[in-house]
Amino acid sequence: MSQKTQMFLGMEAVISSEVMRSLMATVERVARSQASVLISGESGSGKELVARAVHHYSMRSHKPWVDLSCAALPEHLLESELFGYEKGAFSGADTAKPGLFEMAHTGTIFLDEIGDLDPRMQVKLLRVLDAVSYYRLGGVKKVSVDVRVIAATNQDLDAAVAEGRFRGDLYHRLAQFTLRVPPLRFRVEDIAPLARHFLAQHNPGMSFTADAIALLEAKPWPGNIRELRNVVTKAAVMATGDEITSIDLAFIGSPETPARTEPSNNLDSMEKRAILDALAATGGHQQKAAVRLGISRRTLNRKLKQYRPEAEGVSATA
């Protein structure tokens, strides 16, 4: 399968799998609208890259791009960062400072880890999304902004709403359109191109042997792309020659004897559910299900053998 490489706001995208090509085609269509976008996916799966692609393809592409992790700051600092403050608003506020929403005016603001937003801040954000003017901290003059909001989360916000941890009205306002980024284990065709890309960044003169690539493709990658990048970097440092072999990757273990100690029950359960859902959606057509999941037919067959008897009754449609 051919590889597509593109740059989005300084972040390089390496895409080979059909599932990611399909996602990026959807991104282009969604980007042309003014809808708020909620991007969901596991940590390290590439949500920020997708967010940058939405801005890149949008009519606001030449306007400001501002991003913030909602989990990176405590509540009192997050409010001043988002909405700004006036001189003297609090101890240390020696000058006035515009908030990130003002800085993103006419452009896009990306709010990562939106699920960690404090309930009080959820109310304020909802008002801004509803085009309600707001005050800077300590301000007496209202501020109005024209900003497209893209949010991302690795949490199940449906469950958070049901449990009362996240406002339902804010969720629906953010999720005018939802994009789901599949984990790397469902995009096996992306693993080798990504690994070679990271290796070229570290040492352009090095390469992987076929057995090393096979080992990388067999791993579940709970840390997704971020974990793959770290493994490639470590292997490049530890390798004694110009080629990285499976021996150089021994520190990650083998599929039969994984080196990781993290519990994998939840991971296996999510993978199993996704595979069975894909088969159900395609009427048991394994090739179509494999394309839907972004994995090869061979990988799907191997997974199905693991998940019997749950997958019994699924036809072996070509």
C-alpha atoms as a PDB file:
ATOM      1  CA  MET A   1       0.000   0.000   0.000  1.00  0.00           C
ATOM      2  CA  SER A   2       1.354   3.435  -0.920  1.00  0.00           C
ATOM      3  CA  GLN A   3       2.436   5.876   1.747  1.00  0.00           C
ATOM      4  CA  LYS A   4       1.210   9.438   2.076  1.00  0.00           C
ATOM      5  CA  THR A   5       3.239  12.033   3.959  1.00  0.00           C
ATOM      6  CA  GLN A   6       1.931  15.515   4.628  1.00  0.00           C
ATOM      7  CA  MET A   7       2.717  18.404   6.953  1.00  0.00           C
ATOM      8  CA  PHE A   8       0.034  19.953   9.160  1.00  0.00           C
ATOM      9  CA  LEU A   9       1.157  23.055  11.079  1.00  0.00           C
ATOM     10  CA  GLY A  10       4.674  21.707  11.428  1.00  0.00           C
ATOM     11  CA  MET A  11       3.577  18.180  12.386  1.00  0.00           C
ATOM     12  CA  GLU A  12       4.320  15.485   9.810  1.00  0.00           C
ATOM     13  CA  ALA A  13       1.641  12.888   9.057  1.00  0.00           C
ATOM     14  CA  VAL A  14       2.703   9.444   7.805  1.00  0.00           C
ATOM     15  CA  ILE A  15      -0.355   7.563   6.563  1.00  0.00           C
ATOM     16  CA  SER A  16      -0.515   4.167   4.860  1.00  0.00           C
ATOM     17  CA  SER A  17      -3.537   2.289   6.259  1.00  0.00           C
ATOM     18  CA  GLU A  18      -6.896   2.454   4.554  1.00  0.00           C
ATOM     19  CA  VAL A  19      -8.649   3.333   7.801  1.00  0.00           C
ATOM     20  CA  MET A  20      -6.474   6.432   8.277  1.00  0.00           C
ATOM     21  CA  ARG A  21      -6.838   7.456   4.637  1.00  0.00           C
ATOM     22  CA  SER A  22     -10.589   7.243   5.100  1.00  0.00           C
ATOM     23  CA  LEU A  23     -10.400   9.298   8.300  1.00  0.00           C
ATOM     24  CA  MET A  24      -8.326  12.022   6.637  1.00  0.00           C
ATOM     25  CA  ALA A  25     -10.786  12.179   3.734  1.00  0.00           C
ATOM     26  CA  THR A  26     -13.527  12.783   6.314  1.00  0.00           C
ATOM     27  CA  VAL A  27     -11.345  15.421   7.987  1.00  0.00           C
ATOM     28  CA  GLU A  28     -11.141  17.366   4.710  1.00  0.00           C
ATOM     29  CA  ARG A  29     -14.932  17.395   4.371  1.00  0.00           C
ATOM     30  CA  VAL A  30     -15.577  18.331   8.006  1.00  0.00           C
ATOM     31  CA  ALA A  31     -12.913  21.042   7.924  1.00  0.00           C
ATOM     32  CA  ARG A  32     -14.799  23.046   5.312  1.00  0.00           C
ATOM     33  CA  SER A  33     -17.742  23.472   7.664  1.00  0.00           C
ATOM     34  CA  GLN A  34     -17.844  25.717  10.721  1.00  0.00           C
ATOM     35  CA  ALA A  35     -18.902  22.889  13.038  1.00  0.00           C
ATOM     36  CA  SER A  36     -17.194  22.290  16.352  1.00  0.00           C
ATOM     37  CA  VAL A  37     -15.243  19.033  16.254  1.00  0.00           C
ATOM     38  CA  LEU A  38     -14.629  16.516  19.032  1.00  0.00           C
ATOM     39  CA  ILE A  39     -11.752  14.109  18.423  1.00  0.00           C
ATOM     40  CA  SER A  40     -11.665  10.948  20.517  1.00  0.00           C
ATOM     41  CA  GLY A  41      -9.031   8.264  20.749  1.00  0.00           C
ATOM     42  CA  GLU A  42      -6.498   6.632  22.992  1.00  0.00           C
ATOM     43  CA  SER A  43      -3.530   8.574  24.320  1.00  0.00           C
ATOM     44  CA  GLY A  44      -0.785   8.818  21.720  1.00  0.00           C
ATOM     45  CA  SER A  45      -2.974   7.770  18.795  1.00  0.00           C
ATOM     46  CA  GLY A  46      -2.631  11.047  16.880  1.00  0.00           C
ATOM     47  CA  LYS A  47      -5.551  13.241  17.961  1.00  0.00           C
ATOM     48  CA  GLU A  48      -3.532  16.470  17.805  1.00  0.00           C
ATOM     49  CA  LEU A  49      -2.402  15.651  14.271  1.00  0.00           C
ATOM     50  CA  VAL A  50      -6.041  15.237  13.224  1.00  0.00           C
ATOM     51  CA  ALA A  51      -6.936  18.534  14.921  1.00  0.00           C
ATOM     52  CA  ARG A  52      -4.169  20.323  13.038  1.00  0.00           C
ATOM     53  CA  ALA A  53      -5.387  18.756   9.805  1.00  0.00           C
ATOM     54  CA  VAL A  54      -8.890  20.130  10.427  1.00  0.00           C
ATOM     55  CA  HIS A  55      -7.447  23.641  10.744  1.00  0.00           C
ATOM     56  CA  HIS A  56      -5.154  23.085   7.733  1.00  0.00           C
ATOM     57  CA  TYR A  57      -8.063  22.202   5.436  1.00  0.00           C
ATOM     58  CA  SER A  58     -10.450  24.824   6.830  1.00  0.00           C
ATOM     59  CA  MET A  59     -11.285  28.294   5.557  1.00  0.00           C
ATOM     60  CA  ARG A  60      -9.473  29.556   8.682  1.00  0.00           C
ATOM     61  CA  SER A  61      -6.152  27.934   7.706  1.00  0.00           C
ATOM     62  CA  HIS A  62      -4.384  31.306   7.347  1.00  0.00           C
ATOM     63  CA  LYS A  63      -5.821  32.566  10.620  1.00  0.00           C
ATOM     64  CA  PRO A  64      -4.478  31.926  14.157  1.00  0.00           C
ATOM     65  CA  TRP A  65      -4.062  28.432  15.567  1.00  0.00           C
ATOM     66  CA  VAL A  66      -3.961  28.252  19.385  1.00  0.00           C
ATOM     67  CA  ASP A  67      -3.736  25.065  21.428  1.00  0.00           C
ATOM     68  CA  LEU A  68      -3.930  24.227  25.128  1.00  0.00           C
ATOM     69  CA  SER A  69      -4.054  21.093  27.255  1.00  0.00           C
ATOM     70  CA  CYS A  70      -6.869  21.440  29.768  1.00  0.00           C
ATOM     71  CA  ALA A  71      -5.053  19.043  32.104  1.00  0.00           C
ATOM     72  CA  ALA A  72      -1.805  21.019  32.111  1.00  0.00           C
ATOM     73  CA  LEU A  73      -2.953  23.894  34.331  1.00  0.00           C
ATOM     74  CA  PRO A  74      -4.840  24.202  37.634  1.00  0.00           C
ATOM     75  CA  GLU A  75      -8.315  25.707  37.440  1.00  0.00           C
ATOM     76  CA  HIS A  76      -7.404  29.273  38.469  1.00  0.00           C
ATOM     77  CA  LEU A  77      -4.614  29.483  35.897  1.00  0.00           C
ATOM     78  CA  LEU A  78      -6.685  27.817  33.197  1.00  0.00           C
ATOM     79  CA  GLU A  79      -9.374  30.492  33.483  1.00  0.00           C
ATOM     80  CA  SER A  80      -6.883  33.325  33.113  1.00  0.00           C
ATOM     81  CA  GLU A  81      -5.180  31.563  30.184  1.00  0.00           C
ATOM     82  CA  LEU A  82      -8.427  31.030  28.303  1.00  0.00           C
ATOM     83  CA  PHE A  83     -10.167  34.324  29.046  1.00  0.00           C
ATOM     84  CA  GLY A  84      -7.346  36.702  29.940  1.00  0.00           C
ATOM     85  CA  TYR A  85      -7.140  39.231  32.751  1.00  0.00           C
ATOM     86  CA  GLU A  86      -6.826  42.943  33.405  1.00  0.00           C
ATOM     87  CA  LYS A  87      -4.051  44.701  35.265  1.00  0.00           C
ATOM     88  CA  GLY A  88      -4.535  44.307  39.007  1.00  0.00           C
ATOM     89  CA  ALA A  89      -7.029  41.444  38.665  1.00  0.00           C
ATOM     90  CA  PHE A  90      -4.952  39.408  41.118  1.00  0.00           C
ATOM     91  CA  SER A  91      -1.563  39.499  42.836  1.00  0.00           C
ATOM     92  CA  GLY A  92       1.116  39.530  40.173  1.00  0.00           C
ATOM     93  CA  ALA A  93      -1.130  40.808  37.367  1.00  0.00           C
ATOM     94  CA  ASP A  94       1.075  43.805  36.619  1.00  0.00           C
ATOM     95  CA  THR A  95      -0.212  44.176  33.064  1.00  0.00           C
ATOM     96  CA  ALA A  96      -3.321  43.178  31.166  1.00  0.00           C
ATOM     97  CA  LYS A  97      -3.145  39.939  29.169  1.00  0.00           C
ATOM     98  CA  PRO A  98      -5.499  38.720  26.424  1.00  0.00           C
ATOM     99  CA  GLY A  99      -6.779  35.178  26.774  1.00  0.00           C
ATOM    100  CA  LEU A 100      -6.277  32.362  24.303  1.00  0.00           C
ATOM    101  CA  PHE A 101      -9.777  32.846  22.899  1.00  0.00           C
ATOM    102  CA  GLU A 102      -8.884  36.436  21.989  1.00  0.00           C
ATOM    103  CA  MET A 103      -5.599  35.292  20.490  1.00  0.00           C
ATOM    104  CA  ALA A 104      -7.471  32.744  18.381  1.00  0.00           C
ATOM    105  CA  HIS A 105     -10.016  35.280  17.097  1.00  0.00           C
ATOM    106  CA  THR A 106     -11.106  34.411  13.508  1.00  0.00           C
ATOM    107  CA  GLY A 107      -9.042  31.223  13.762  1.00  0.00           C
ATOM    108  CA  THR A 108      -9.076  27.929  15.665  1.00  0.00           C
ATOM    109  CA  ILE A 109      -8.528  26.971  19.280  1.00  0.00           C
ATOM    110  CA  PHE A 110      -7.652  23.364  20.120  1.00  0.00           C
ATOM    111  CA  LEU A 111      -8.544  22.221  23.633  1.00  0.00           C
ATOM    112  CA  ASP A 112      -6.827  18.930  24.358  1.00  0.00           C
ATOM    113  CA  GLU A 113      -7.891  16.628  27.204  1.00  0.00           C
ATOM    114  CA  ILE A 114     -11.250  18.383  27.396  1.00  0.00           C
ATOM    115  CA  GLY A 115     -12.569  15.621  29.670  1.00  0.00           C
ATOM    116  CA  ASP A 116     -10.413  16.984  32.500  1.00  0.00           C
ATOM    117  CA  LEU A 117     -12.123  20.374  32.433  1.00  0.00           C
ATOM    118  CA  ASP A 118     -13.415  21.534  35.814  1.00  0.00           C
ATOM    119  CA  PRO A 119     -17.256  21.778  36.088  1.00  0.00           C
ATOM    120  CA  ARG A 120     -17.148  25.558  36.633  1.00  0.00           C
ATOM    121  CA  MET A 121     -14.969  26.003  33.571  1.00  0.00           C
ATOM    122  CA  GLN A 122     -17.361  23.812  31.598  1.00  0.00           C
ATOM    123  CA  VAL A 123     -20.089  26.390  32.200  1.00  0.00           C
ATOM    124  CA  LYS A 124     -17.872  29.272  31.065  1.00  0.00           C
ATOM    125  CA  LEU A 125     -16.753  27.399  27.960  1.00  0.00           C
ATOM    126  CA  LEU A 126     -20.332  26.586  27.036  1.00  0.00           C
ATOM    127  CA  ARG A 127     -21.250  30.271  27.141  1.00  0.00           C
ATOM    128  CA  VAL A 128     -18.372  31.187  24.840  1.00  0.00           C
ATOM    129  CA  LEU A 129     -19.331  28.386  22.436  1.00  0.00           C
ATOM    130  CA  ASP A 130     -22.852  29.814  22.380  1.00  0.00           C
ATOM    131  CA  ALA A 131     -21.331  33.130  21.210  1.00  0.00           C
ATOM    132  CA  VAL A 132     -21.982  34.847  24.540  1.00  0.00           C
ATOM    133  CA  SER A 133     -19.574  37.692  25.294  1.00  0.00           C
ATOM    134  CA  TYR A 134     -17.441  37.328  28.418  1.00  0.00           C
ATOM    135  CA  TYR A 135     -15.277  39.397  30.747  1.00  0.00           C
ATOM    136  CA  ARG A 136     -11.572  39.058  31.279  1.00  0.00           C
ATOM    137  CA  LEU A 137     -10.701  38.409  34.925  1.00  0.00           C
ATOM    138  CA  GLY A 138     -11.080  41.742  36.657  1.00  0.00           C
ATOM    139  CA  GLY A 139     -12.493  43.295  33.505  1.00  0.00           C
ATOM    140  CA  VAL A 140     -15.481  45.596  33.017  1.00  0.00           C
ATOM    141  CA  LYS A 141     -15.667  45.416  29.235  1.00  0.00           C
ATOM    142  CA  LYS A 142     -17.108  42.383  27.496  1.00  0.00           C
ATOM    143  CA  VAL A 143     -15.070  40.484  24.918  1.00  0.00           C
ATOM    144  CA  SER A 144     -16.604  38.885  21.820  1.00  0.00           C
ATOM    145  CA  VAL A 145     -14.709  36.367  19.712  1.00  0.00           C
ATOM    146  CA  ASP A 146     -15.201  34.400  16.511  1.00  0.00           C
ATOM    147  CA  VAL A 147     -13.393  31.114  17.110  1.00  0.00           C
ATOM    148  CA  ARG A 148     -13.773  27.567  15.872  1.00  0.00           C
ATOM    149  CA  VAL A 149     -13.303  25.083  18.705  1.00  0.00           C
ATOM    150  CA  ILE A 150     -11.716  21.673  18.248  1.00  0.00           C
ATOM    151  CA  ALA A 151     -11.539  19.496  21.350  1.00  0.00           C
ATOM    152  CA  ALA A 152      -9.937  16.133  22.009  1.00  0.00           C
ATOM    153  CA  THR A 153     -10.233  13.499  24.697  1.00  0.00           C
ATOM    154  CA  ASN A 154      -9.034  10.003  25.523  1.00  0.00           C
ATOM    155  CA  GLN A 155     -11.980   9.571  27.885  1.00  0.00           C
ATOM    156  CA  ASP A 156     -15.433   8.133  27.296  1.00  0.00           C
ATOM    157  CA  LEU A 157     -17.417  11.381  27.472  1.00  0.00           C
ATOM    158  CA  ASP A 158     -20.728   9.564  27.030  1.00  0.00           C
ATOM    159  CA  ALA A 159     -19.999   7.752  30.296  1.00  0.00           C
ATOM    160  CA  ALA A 160     -18.771  10.990  31.895  1.00  0.00           C
ATOM    161  CA  VAL A 161     -22.075  12.677  31.002  1.00  0.00           C
ATOM    162  CA  ALA A 162     -24.065   9.746  32.371  1.00  0.00           C
ATOM    163  CA  GLU A 163     -22.069   9.889  35.611  1.00  0.00           C
ATOM    164  CA  GLY A 164     -22.511  13.654  35.929  1.00  0.00           C
ATOM    165  CA  ARG A 165     -18.795  14.435  35.500  1.00  0.00           C
ATOM    166  CA  PHE A 166     -19.270  16.275  32.221  1.00  0.00           C
ATOM    167  CA  ARG A 167     -22.115  18.548  31.159  1.00  0.00           C
ATOM    168  CA  GLY A 168     -24.355  17.020  28.538  1.00  0.00           C
ATOM    169  CA  ASP A 169     -25.094  20.385  26.900  1.00  0.00           C
ATOM    170  CA  LEU A 170     -21.385  21.131  26.547  1.00  0.00           C
ATOM    171  CA  TYR A 171     -20.716  17.673  25.168  1.00  0.00           C
ATOM    172  CA  HIS A 172     -23.338  18.085  22.448  1.00  0.00           C
ATOM    173  CA  ARG A 173     -22.075  21.585  21.656  1.00  0.00           C
ATOM    174  CA  LEU A 174     -18.509  20.334  21.270  1.00  0.00           C
ATOM    175  CA  ALA A 175     -19.475  17.219  19.344  1.00  0.00           C
ATOM    176  CA  GLN A 176     -21.306  18.794  16.427  1.00  0.00           C
ATOM    177  CA  PHE A 177     -19.069  16.403  14.547  1.00  0.00           C
ATOM    178  CA  THR A 178     -17.048  13.582  16.111  1.00  0.00           C
ATOM    179  CA  LEU A 179     -13.870  12.087  14.670  1.00  0.00           C
ATOM    180  CA  ARG A 180     -12.543   8.869  16.169  1.00  0.00           C
ATOM    181  CA  VAL A 181      -8.846   8.099  15.768  1.00  0.00           C
ATOM    182  CA  PRO A 182      -8.207   4.332  15.768  1.00  0.00           C
ATOM    183  CA  PRO A 183      -5.422   2.950  17.958  1.00  0.00           C
ATOM    184  CA  LEU A 184      -2.208   1.847  16.275  1.00  0.00           C
ATOM    185  CA  ARG A 185      -2.992  -1.863  16.755  1.00  0.00           C
ATOM    186  CA  PHE A 186      -5.918  -1.410  14.348  1.00  0.00           C
ATOM    187  CA  ARG A 187      -3.629   0.322  11.833  1.00  0.00           C
ATOM    188  CA  VAL A 188      -0.934  -2.303  11.402  1.00  0.00           C
ATOM    189  CA  GLU A 189      -0.125  -0.995   7.912  1.00  0.00           C
ATOM    190  CA  ASP A 190       1.000   2.291   9.501  1.00  0.00           C
ATOM    191  CA  ILE A 191       3.529   0.717  11.889  1.00  0.00           C
ATOM    192  CA  ALA A 192       6.400   0.065   9.464  1.00  0.00           C
ATOM    193  CA  PRO A 193       6.176   3.474   7.694  1.00  0.00           C
ATOM    194  CA  LEU A 194       5.999   5.264  11.042  1.00  0.00           C
ATOM    195  CA  ALA A 195       8.918   3.271  12.447  1.00  0.00           C
ATOM    196  CA  ARG A 196      11.047   4.054   9.375  1.00  0.00           C
ATOM    197  CA  HIS A 197      10.040   7.712   9.599  1.00  0.00           C
ATOM    198  CA  PHE A 198      11.099   7.960  13.258  1.00  0.00           C
ATOM    199  CA  LEU A 199      14.325   6.105  12.510  1.00  0.00           C
ATOM    200  CA  ALA A 200      15.144   8.482   9.659  1.00  0.00           C
ATOM    201  CA  GLN A 201      14.665  11.406  12.023  1.00  0.00           C
ATOM    202  CA  HIS A 202      17.100   9.880  14.503  1.00  0.00           C
ATOM    203  CA  ASN A 203      19.633   8.372  12.092  1.00  0.00           C
ATOM    204  CA  PRO A 204      18.965   8.515   8.317  1.00  0.00           C
ATOM    205  CA  GLY A 205      21.679   5.923   7.658  1.00  0.00           C
ATOM    206  CA  MET A 206      19.972   3.144   9.597  1.00  0.00           C
ATOM    207  CA  SER A 207      17.283   0.669   8.538  1.00  0.00           C
ATOM    208  CA  PHE A 208      15.180  -2.200   9.899  1.00  0.00           C
ATOM    209  CA  THR A 209      15.534  -5.844   8.971  1.00  0.00           C
ATOM    210  CA  ALA A 210      12.421  -7.758   7.935  1.00  0.00           C
ATOM    211  CA  ASP A 211      12.307  -9.675  11.225  1.00  0.00           C
ATOM    212  CA  ALA A 212      12.447  -6.394  13.177  1.00  0.00           C
ATOM    213  CA  ILE A 213       9.503  -4.991  11.213  1.00  0.00           C
ATOM    214  CA  ALA A 214       7.567  -8.227  11.764  1.00  0.00           C
ATOM    215  CA  LEU A 215       8.154  -7.936  15.504  1.00  0.00           C
ATOM    216  CA  LEU A 216       7.018  -4.315  15.570  1.00  0.00           C
ATOM    217  CA  GLU A 217       3.859  -5.172  13.633  1.00  0.00           C
ATOM    218  CA  ALA A 218       3.021  -7.983  16.047  1.00  0.00           C
ATOM    219  CA  LYS A 219       3.003  -5.760  19.144  1.00  0.00           C
ATOM    220  CA  PRO A 220      -0.255  -4.301  20.559  1.00  0.00           C
ATOM    221  CA  TRP A 221       1.228  -0.820  21.273  1.00  0.00           C
ATOM    222  CA  PRO A 222      -0.930   0.314  24.211  1.00  0.00           C
ATOM    223  CA  GLY A 223       0.979   3.616  24.111  1.00  0.00           C
ATOM    224  CA  ASN A 224       0.286   3.923  20.387  1.00  0.00           C
ATOM    225  CA  ILE A 225       2.451   6.176  18.189  1.00  0.00           C
ATOM    226  CA  ARG A 226       4.182   7.805  21.136  1.00  0.00           C
ATOM    227  CA  GLU A 227       5.306   4.417  22.418  1.00  0.00           C
ATOM    228  CA  LEU A 228       6.471   3.340  18.946  1.00  0.00           C
ATOM    229  CA  ARG A 229       8.563   6.498  18.610  1.00  0.00           C
ATOM    230  CA  ASN A 230      10.239   5.852  21.959  1.00  0.00           C
ATOM    231  CA  VAL A 231      10.993   2.224  21.067  1.00  0.00           C
ATOM    232  CA  VAL A 232      12.533   3.213  17.724  1.00  0.00           C
ATOM    233  CA  THR A 233      14.663   5.892  19.375  1.00  0.00           C
ATOM    234  CA  LYS A 234      15.945   3.468  22.011  1.00  0.00           C
ATOM    235  CA  ALA A 235      16.665   0.765  19.420  1.00  0.00           C
ATOM    236  CA  ALA A 236      18.587   3.236  17.270  1.00  0.00           C
ATOM    237  CA  VAL A 237      20.771   4.186  20.228  1.00  0.00           C
ATOM    238  CA  MET A 238      21.388   0.599  21.346  1.00  0.00           C
ATOM    239  CA  ALA A 239      21.955  -1.015  17.926  1.00  0.00           C
ATOM    240  CA  THR A 240      25.577  -1.863  17.151  1.00  0.00           C
ATOM    241  CA  GLY A 241      25.260  -1.782  13.357  1.00  0.00           C
ATOM    242  CA  ASP A 242      23.466   0.109  10.625  1.00  0.00           C
ATOM    243  CA  GLU A 243      20.499  -2.268  10.747  1.00  0.00           C
ATOM    244  CA  ILE A 244      18.057  -2.728  13.603  1.00  0.00           C
ATOM    245  CA  THR A 245      17.227  -6.408  13.987  1.00  0.00           C
ATOM    246  CA  SER A 246      14.751  -8.250  16.169  1.00  0.00           C
ATOM    247  CA  ILE A 247      17.625  -8.834  18.591  1.00  0.00           C
ATOM    248  CA  ASP A 248      18.015  -5.068  18.986  1.00  0.00           C
ATOM    249  CA  LEU A 249      14.310  -4.965  19.856  1.00  0.00           C
ATOM    250  CA  ALA A 250      14.518  -7.729  22.446  1.00  0.00           C
ATOM    251  CA  PHE A 251      13.778  -5.209  25.198  1.00  0.00           C
ATOM    252  CA  ILE A 252      10.145  -4.974  24.019  1.00  0.00           C
ATOM    253  CA  GLY A 253       9.690  -8.756  24.232  1.00  0.00           C
ATOM    254  CA  SER A 254       8.081 -11.094  21.716  1.00  0.00           C
ATOM    255  CA  PRO A 255       4.371 -11.589  20.985  1.00  0.00           C
ATOM    256  CA  GLU A 256       4.519 -14.856  22.938  1.00  0.00           C
ATOM    257  CA  THR A 257       6.497 -13.466  25.884  1.00  0.00           C
ATOM    258  CA  PRO A 258       5.675  -9.772  26.157  1.00  0.00           C
ATOM    259  CA  ALA A 259       8.087  -7.647  28.141  1.00  0.00           C
ATOM    260  CA  ARG A 260       5.359  -5.278  29.311  1.00  0.00           C
ATOM    261  CA  THR A 261       3.945  -5.682  32.773  1.00  0.00           C
ATOM    262  CA  GLU A 262       0.840  -3.558  32.339  1.00  0.00           C
ATOM    263  CA  PRO A 263      -2.505  -5.367  32.571  1.00  0.00           C
ATOM    264  CA  SER A 264      -3.874  -6.049  29.096  1.00  0.00           C
ATOM    265  CA  ASN A 265      -7.367  -7.290  29.913  1.00  0.00           C
ATOM    266  CA  ASN A 266      -9.024  -3.961  29.086  1.00  0.00           C
ATOM    267  CA  LEU A 267      -6.947  -3.626  25.931  1.00  0.00           C
ATOM    268  CA  ASP A 268      -7.857  -7.132  24.764  1.00  0.00           C
ATOM    269  CA  SER A 269     -11.518  -6.498  25.532  1.00  0.00           C
ATOM    270  CA  MET A 270     -11.574  -3.275  23.489  1.00  0.00           C
ATOM    271  CA  GLU A 271      -9.796  -4.948  20.582  1.00  0.00           C
ATOM    272  CA  LYS A 272     -12.132  -7.933  20.641  1.00  0.00           C
ATOM    273  CA  ARG A 273     -15.225  -5.720  20.721  1.00  0.00           C
ATOM    274  CA  ALA A 274     -13.962  -3.593  17.827  1.00  0.00           C
ATOM    275  CA  ILE A 275     -13.234  -6.656  15.684  1.00  0.00           C
ATOM    276  CA  LEU A 276     -16.581  -8.292  16.377  1.00  0.00           C
ATOM    277  CA  ASP A 277     -18.393  -4.990  15.760  1.00  0.00           C
ATOM    278  CA  ALA A 278     -16.609  -4.593  12.424  1.00  0.00           C
ATOM    279  CA  LEU A 279     -17.571  -8.108  11.396  1.00  0.00           C
ATOM    280  CA  ALA A 280     -21.153  -7.473  12.398  1.00  0.00           C
ATOM    281  CA  ALA A 281     -21.223  -4.216  10.442  1.00  0.00           C
ATOM    282  CA  THR A 282     -19.914  -5.940   7.314  1.00  0.00           C
ATOM    283  CA  GLY A 283     -22.154  -8.987   7.576  1.00  0.00           C
ATOM    284  CA  GLY A 284     -19.203 -11.221   8.423  1.00  0.00           C
ATOM    285  CA  HIS A 285     -17.207 -10.163   5.349  1.00  0.00           C
ATOM    286  CA  GLN A 286     -13.663 -10.522   6.675  1.00  0.00           C
ATOM    287  CA  GLN A 287     -11.912  -8.537   3.939  1.00  0.00           C
ATOM    288  CA  LYS A 288     -14.279  -5.585   4.372  1.00  0.00           C
ATOM    289  CA  ALA A 289     -13.943  -5.849   8.160  1.00  0.00           C
ATOM    290  CA  ALA A 290     -10.143  -5.823   7.852  1.00  0.00           C
ATOM    291  CA  VAL A 291     -10.274  -2.671   5.718  1.00  0.00           C
ATOM    292  CA  ARG A 292     -12.680  -1.078   8.198  1.00  0.00           C
ATOM    293  CA  LEU A 293     -10.249  -1.827  11.041  1.00  0.00           C
ATOM    294  CA  GLY A 294      -7.167  -0.802   9.092  1.00  0.00           C
ATOM    295  CA  ILE A 295      -5.503  -4.217   9.433  1.00  0.00           C
ATOM    296  CA  SER A 296      -4.581  -6.970   6.988  1.00  0.00           C
ATOM    297  CA  ARG A 297      -6.795  -9.986   6.330  1.00  0.00           C
ATOM    298  CA  ARG A 298      -3.993 -12.171   7.742  1.00  0.00           C
ATOM    299  CA  THR A 299      -3.928 -10.169  10.987  1.00  0.00           C
ATOM    300  CA  LEU A 300      -7.711 -10.384  11.283  1.00  0.00           C
ATOM    301  CA  ASN A 301      -7.632 -14.171  10.851  1.00  0.00           C
ATOM    302  CA  ARG A 302      -4.994 -14.424  13.568  1.00  0.00           C
ATOM    303  CA  LYS A 303      -7.088 -12.286  15.908  1.00  0.00           C
ATOM    304  CA  LEU A 304     -10.220 -14.322  15.225  1.00  0.00           C
ATOM    305  CA  LYS A 305      -8.450 -17.495  16.294  1.00  0.00           C
ATOM    306  CA  GLN A 306      -7.723 -15.807  19.628  1.00  0.00           C
ATOM    307  CA  TYR A 307     -11.323 -14.740  20.130  1.00  0.00           C
ATOM    308  CA  ARG A 308     -13.125 -18.036  19.632  1.00  0.00           C
ATOM    309  CA  PRO A 309     -15.796 -18.966  20.712  1.00  0.00           C
ATOM    310  CA  GLU A 310     -16.942 -15.305  20.695  1.00  0.00           C
ATOM    311  CA  ALA A 311     -16.396 -15.176  16.949  1.00  0.00           C
ATOM    312  CA  GLU A 312     -18.041 -18.529  16.234  1.00  0.00           C
ATOM    313  CA  GLY A 313     -20.751 -18.220  13.664  1.00  0.00           C
ATOM    314  CA  VAL A 314     -18.889 -15.458  11.803  1.00  0.00           C
ATOM    315  CA  SER A 315     -18.674 -16.507   8.189  1.00  0.00           C
ATOM    316  CA  ALA A 316     -15.339 -16.669   6.403  1.00  0.00           C
ATOM    317  CA  THR A 317     -16.590 -14.498   3.600  1.00  0.00           C
ATOM    318  CA  ALA A 318     -13.725 -13.396   1.386  1.00  0.00           C
END
